[in-house]
Amino acid sequence: MQKLTGKVVIVTGASRGIGKGIAQLFAAEGAKVVCAARTVHDGDHFLEGSLLSTVEEIRQAGGEALPVQCDVADEESCDHLIQETKQAYGPVDVLINNAAVTYFVPIKDLPIKKWKRAFDVNVLGPFMLCQKVLPDMIAKQSGAIVNITSRAAIGPGRGPYPDTEQTGTMYGATKAAVERFTQGLAQEVYPYGISVTCLAPGVGVATPGTVYFKLASSLDDPRREPMEMMTRAVLLLSTEPLDKVTGRVTYSQAILKEFGWIEQGKGYGIDLQGSGYSLL
């Protein structure tokens, strides 16, 4: 039985990578998925993927999806996304804040405008979209928000440190902010039956972005986590009862194992044979 039949879902950053995977899985689970991103057409971005290609693949598979161009750092663009969603499908039931940017530059060399841009996309964007979907969720006394985070949110701890250049400080700072925002918002909206959670991959997922930045050798890199693991963990957090999930800042492998979704032949079990990924 489909877990999201008739539910209205927004997925940001849905033109490629994890966002595209989430949109495809949620559509397969019966949701009406609004795919949001800045890249509308193939070739508009140096990375492979676009809104139109994501939506076309969903529709070819029998799902329902709508593309809406959106820059989550811009309030008018966020307003447009919510308006288009409500006009097409109605109030939002599930919001997945996945869109993010990063710049692999050490702090001493990082332009201030790039620091601001990263916080606008990675932190301000989720805040604005959460705020804009909450009135309808509060009115219905239900809803789910999942914010995508990263292991980068946890710092390196005390020194001494290896003599290598590190470039993830800015991205980690934005994700640490998202994690604190998630837990605070979860507490605020708990009385209204709305779950708010935060999820990171257990290990990196191979996507066009991670391949481009040489964080994965290819889309089939056996050292990376299977895309299914991340997308099904987002589905779990979006559909499990409020008191079992809200306020969690967790990892895909951990939450899937806890709820039994990772065991082969059990519910939404994932067959990891041949993936090169170890559960231990």
Protein backbone atom coordinates (compact mmCIF):
# COMPACT_ATOMS: atom_id res chain seq x y z
CA MET A 1 0.00 0.00 0.00
CA GLN A 2 1.39 3.40 -0.96
CA LYS A 3 2.44 5.53 1.99
CA LEU A 4 1.73 8.98 0.53
CA THR A 5 -1.41 8.54 -1.55
CA GLY A 6 -2.97 11.94 -2.20
CA LYS A 7 -0.39 13.85 -0.15
CA VAL A 8 1.04 17.10 -1.49
CA VAL A 9 4.83 17.26 -1.27
CA ILE A 10 7.41 19.92 -2.10
CA VAL A 11 10.98 18.80 -2.72
CA THR A 12 13.60 21.50 -3.23
CA GLY A 13 16.77 20.84 -5.16
CA ALA A 14 14.86 18.27 -7.20
CA SER A 15 16.69 18.72 -10.50
CA ARG A 16 19.39 16.16 -9.64
CA GLY A 17 20.98 14.06 -6.93
CA ILE A 18 19.26 13.30 -3.64
CA GLY A 19 16.40 15.72 -4.33
CA LYS A 20 15.59 14.00 -7.61
CA GLY A 21 15.68 10.61 -5.90
CA ILE A 22 13.34 11.77 -3.15
CA ALA A 23 10.89 13.23 -5.67
CA GLN A 24 10.84 9.99 -7.67
CA LEU A 25 10.31 7.78 -4.62
CA PHE A 26 7.59 10.00 -3.16
CA ALA A 27 5.73 10.05 -6.49
CA ALA A 28 5.96 6.26 -6.60
CA GLU A 29 4.41 6.27 -3.13
CA GLY A 30 1.38 8.14 -4.43
CA ALA A 31 2.28 11.74 -3.62
CA LYS A 32 1.60 14.75 -5.80
CA VAL A 33 5.14 16.07 -5.96
CA VAL A 34 6.12 19.65 -6.67
CA CYS A 35 9.72 19.61 -7.85
CA ALA A 36 11.52 22.88 -7.15
CA ALA A 37 14.97 24.02 -8.30
CA ARG A 38 16.66 26.76 -10.25
CA THR A 39 17.66 24.55 -13.21
CA VAL A 40 14.64 24.15 -15.49
CA HIS A 41 16.13 22.76 -18.72
CA ASP A 42 18.95 20.34 -19.42
CA GLY A 43 22.05 22.36 -20.21
CA ASP A 44 21.08 25.30 -17.99
CA HIS A 45 23.63 24.14 -15.38
CA PHE A 46 27.11 22.68 -15.69
CA LEU A 47 25.91 19.60 -13.77
CA GLU A 48 23.64 17.06 -15.41
CA GLY A 49 19.95 17.24 -14.49
CA SER A 50 16.97 19.59 -14.64
CA LEU A 51 13.47 20.05 -13.32
CA LEU A 52 11.88 19.08 -16.60
CA SER A 53 13.86 15.84 -16.85
CA THR A 54 12.98 14.89 -13.25
CA VAL A 55 9.29 15.53 -13.82
CA GLU A 56 9.28 13.73 -17.17
CA GLU A 57 10.83 10.63 -15.59
CA ILE A 58 8.24 10.70 -12.80
CA ARG A 59 5.36 11.03 -15.25
CA GLN A 60 6.71 8.25 -17.48
CA ALA A 61 6.74 6.01 -14.41
CA GLY A 62 3.05 6.81 -13.77
CA GLY A 63 3.56 9.41 -11.04
CA GLU A 64 2.24 12.93 -10.69
CA ALA A 65 4.64 15.87 -10.54
CA LEU A 66 4.82 19.58 -11.26
CA PRO A 67 8.00 21.58 -12.00
CA VAL A 68 8.33 25.02 -10.40
CA GLN A 69 11.46 27.10 -10.81
CA CYS A 70 12.49 28.48 -7.44
CA ASP A 71 15.47 30.17 -5.84
CA VAL A 72 14.95 29.30 -2.17
CA ALA A 73 17.12 32.26 -1.12
CA ASP A 74 14.55 34.70 -2.56
CA GLU A 75 11.32 35.30 -0.65
CA GLU A 76 9.24 36.20 -3.71
CA SER A 77 10.39 33.00 -5.39
CA CYS A 78 9.40 31.00 -2.30
CA ASP A 79 6.00 32.69 -2.30
CA HIS A 80 5.59 31.74 -5.96
CA LEU A 81 6.45 28.12 -5.17
CA ILE A 82 3.81 27.90 -2.45
CA GLN A 83 1.19 29.63 -4.60
CA GLU A 84 1.81 27.34 -7.56
CA THR A 85 1.64 24.30 -5.31
CA LYS A 86 -1.65 25.30 -3.70
CA GLN A 87 -3.18 26.25 -7.04
CA ALA A 88 -2.26 22.91 -8.60
CA TYR A 89 -2.72 20.50 -5.70
CA GLY A 90 -3.77 22.26 -2.50
CA PRO A 91 -2.01 22.83 0.84
CA VAL A 92 1.36 21.22 1.47
CA ASP A 93 1.45 18.05 3.57
CA VAL A 94 5.19 17.36 3.41
CA LEU A 95 8.10 19.75 2.84
CA ILE A 96 11.58 18.42 2.03
CA ASN A 97 14.24 21.14 2.32
CA ASN A 98 17.03 19.62 0.25
CA ALA A 99 18.41 22.49 -1.86
CA ALA A 100 21.90 23.58 -0.85
CA VAL A 101 25.07 25.18 -2.17
CA THR A 102 28.67 24.92 -1.06
CA TYR A 103 32.00 26.37 -2.04
CA PHE A 104 35.13 24.36 -1.32
CA VAL A 105 37.25 27.34 -0.30
CA PRO A 106 39.16 27.82 2.97
CA ILE A 107 37.81 30.58 5.21
CA LYS A 108 40.87 32.79 4.66
CA ASP A 109 40.06 32.94 0.95
CA LEU A 110 36.26 32.78 0.98
CA PRO A 111 34.53 35.87 -0.48
CA ILE A 112 31.95 37.36 1.87
CA LYS A 113 29.30 37.22 -0.87
CA LYS A 114 29.74 33.44 -1.10
CA TRP A 115 29.40 33.07 2.69
CA LYS A 116 26.16 35.08 2.54
CA ARG A 117 24.88 33.12 -0.46
CA ALA A 118 25.47 29.81 1.30
CA PHE A 119 23.57 30.92 4.41
CA ASP A 120 20.78 32.36 2.26
CA VAL A 121 20.26 29.08 0.42
CA ASN A 122 21.08 26.58 3.15
CA VAL A 123 19.55 28.31 6.20
CA LEU A 124 17.32 31.22 5.19
CA GLY A 125 15.61 29.16 2.47
CA PRO A 126 14.45 26.36 4.79
CA PHE A 127 13.32 28.94 7.35
CA MET A 128 11.21 30.83 4.80
CA LEU A 129 9.62 27.73 3.30
CA CYS A 130 8.86 26.27 6.73
CA GLN A 131 7.22 29.51 7.78
CA LYS A 132 5.14 29.60 4.59
CA VAL A 133 3.79 26.03 4.84
CA LEU A 134 3.11 26.09 8.59
CA PRO A 135 -0.22 27.99 8.55
CA ASP A 136 -1.92 25.25 6.50
CA MET A 137 -0.24 22.48 8.48
CA ILE A 138 -1.34 24.07 11.75
CA ALA A 139 -4.88 24.40 10.43
CA LYS A 140 -4.91 20.68 9.54
CA GLN A 141 -3.09 19.70 12.75
CA SER A 142 -0.71 17.55 10.71
CA GLY A 143 2.32 17.73 8.46
CA ALA A 144 5.95 16.71 8.10
CA ILE A 145 9.09 18.72 7.40
CA VAL A 146 12.43 17.05 6.67
CA ASN A 147 15.58 19.15 6.43
CA ILE A 148 18.58 17.56 4.73
CA THR A 149 21.84 18.01 6.61
CA SER A 150 25.37 16.63 6.46
CA ARG A 151 28.05 15.06 8.62
CA ALA A 152 29.91 18.31 7.99
CA ALA A 153 27.75 19.87 10.72
CA ILE A 154 29.96 18.13 13.28
CA GLY A 155 33.31 19.88 13.59
CA PRO A 156 36.76 18.29 13.67
CA GLY A 157 37.14 18.62 17.45
CA ARG A 158 40.37 19.54 19.17
CA GLY A 159 43.75 19.55 17.53
CA PRO A 160 46.43 18.75 16.64
CA TYR A 161 45.20 18.43 13.07
CA PRO A 162 46.59 16.78 9.93
CA ASP A 163 48.67 19.04 7.75
CA THR A 164 46.08 19.23 4.98
CA GLU A 165 43.93 22.09 3.74
CA GLN A 166 40.30 21.85 4.86
CA THR A 167 37.53 23.58 2.92
CA GLY A 168 34.26 22.46 4.55
CA THR A 169 33.99 24.97 7.40
CA MET A 170 31.39 27.21 5.78
CA TYR A 171 29.16 24.34 4.64
CA GLY A 172 29.40 22.71 8.06
CA ALA A 173 28.40 25.96 9.75
CA THR A 174 25.25 26.23 7.63
CA LYS A 175 24.27 22.64 8.36
CA ALA A 176 24.89 23.05 12.09
CA ALA A 177 22.48 25.99 11.96
CA VAL A 178 19.89 23.86 10.15
CA GLU A 179 20.15 21.13 12.78
CA ARG A 180 19.56 23.57 15.66
CA PHE A 181 16.71 25.17 13.72
CA THR A 182 15.14 21.75 13.18
CA GLN A 183 15.07 20.85 16.85
CA GLY A 184 13.76 24.22 17.94
CA LEU A 185 11.01 24.25 15.33
CA ALA A 186 10.07 20.67 16.23
CA GLN A 187 9.43 21.80 19.79
CA GLU A 188 7.45 24.85 18.68
CA VAL A 189 5.06 23.01 16.37
CA TYR A 190 4.72 19.75 18.30
CA PRO A 191 1.34 20.83 19.78
CA TYR A 192 -0.03 21.07 16.23
CA GLY A 193 0.86 17.52 15.23
CA ILE A 194 3.67 18.54 12.86
CA SER A 195 6.91 16.59 12.77
CA VAL A 196 10.20 18.31 11.99
CA THR A 197 13.32 16.23 11.44
CA CYS A 198 16.82 16.46 10.01
CA LEU A 199 18.62 13.75 8.04
CA ALA A 200 22.15 13.23 6.77
CA PRO A 201 23.61 10.39 4.70
CA GLY A 202 25.43 7.80 6.76
CA VAL A 203 28.28 8.15 4.27
CA GLY A 204 28.36 10.36 1.20
CA VAL A 205 25.93 9.63 -1.63
CA ALA A 206 27.27 9.54 -5.19
CA THR A 207 25.51 12.35 -7.09
CA PRO A 208 26.46 14.55 -10.04
CA GLY A 209 27.67 17.13 -7.53
CA THR A 210 29.81 14.83 -5.40
CA VAL A 211 31.33 13.30 -8.54
CA TYR A 212 32.13 16.75 -9.95
CA PHE A 213 33.85 17.81 -6.72
CA LYS A 214 35.72 14.48 -6.60
CA LEU A 215 33.99 13.34 -3.41
CA ALA A 216 32.89 10.24 -5.31
CA SER A 217 34.68 8.51 -8.16
CA SER A 218 31.47 7.87 -10.13
CA LEU A 219 27.73 7.51 -9.69
CA ASP A 220 28.42 3.82 -8.98
CA ASP A 221 31.21 4.46 -6.47
CA PRO A 222 31.07 1.43 -4.10
CA ARG A 223 32.47 3.55 -1.24
CA ARG A 224 29.40 5.78 -1.28
CA GLU A 225 25.97 5.11 0.20
CA PRO A 226 23.27 3.80 -2.17
CA MET A 227 20.81 6.56 -3.10
CA GLU A 228 17.93 4.31 -1.98
CA MET A 229 19.14 4.42 1.58
CA MET A 230 18.85 8.20 1.81
CA THR A 231 15.56 8.49 -0.07
CA ARG A 232 13.85 5.77 1.96
CA ALA A 233 15.10 7.32 5.19
CA VAL A 234 13.42 10.58 4.13
CA LEU A 235 10.25 8.63 3.40
CA LEU A 236 10.41 7.05 6.85
CA LEU A 237 10.75 10.42 8.59
CA SER A 238 7.88 11.81 6.51
CA THR A 239 5.42 9.02 7.31
CA GLU A 240 6.15 7.54 10.74
CA PRO A 241 4.04 8.75 13.71
CA LEU A 242 4.93 12.13 15.20
CA ASP A 243 6.11 10.89 18.58
CA LYS A 244 8.48 8.37 17.02
CA VAL A 245 10.44 10.81 14.89
CA THR A 246 9.97 14.53 15.56
CA GLY A 247 13.01 16.48 16.68
CA ARG A 248 15.46 13.88 15.47
CA VAL A 249 18.75 14.83 13.86
CA THR A 250 19.84 11.49 12.48
CA TYR A 251 21.57 9.50 9.77
CA SER A 252 20.04 7.36 7.05
CA GLN A 253 21.62 4.08 8.07
CA ALA A 254 20.83 4.56 11.76
CA ILE A 255 17.15 5.43 11.34
CA LEU A 256 16.51 2.68 8.78
CA LYS A 257 18.08 0.07 11.06
CA GLU A 258 16.14 1.32 14.09
CA PHE A 259 12.80 1.03 12.32
CA GLY A 260 13.62 -2.24 10.57
CA TRP A 261 13.37 -0.77 7.06
CA ILE A 262 16.89 -1.80 6.17
CA GLU A 263 16.49 -5.53 6.61
CA GLN A 264 16.13 -7.46 3.37
CA GLY A 265 12.65 -8.87 2.92
CA LYS A 266 11.10 -6.71 5.65
CA GLY A 267 8.86 -3.83 4.66
CA TYR A 268 10.94 -1.36 2.70
CA GLY A 269 14.10 -3.44 2.98
CA ILE A 270 16.98 -2.50 0.74
CA ASP A 271 18.99 -5.20 -0.97
CA LEU A 272 22.57 -4.07 -0.55
CA GLN A 273 24.17 -7.12 -2.15
CA GLY A 274 26.76 -6.01 -4.65
CA SER A 275 26.60 -2.36 -3.57
CA GLY A 276 29.87 -2.47 -1.72
CA TYR A 277 28.22 -0.78 1.25
CA SER A 278 28.63 -2.36 4.68
CA LEU A 279 26.08 -2.02 7.44
CA LEU A 280 28.72 -2.59 10.11
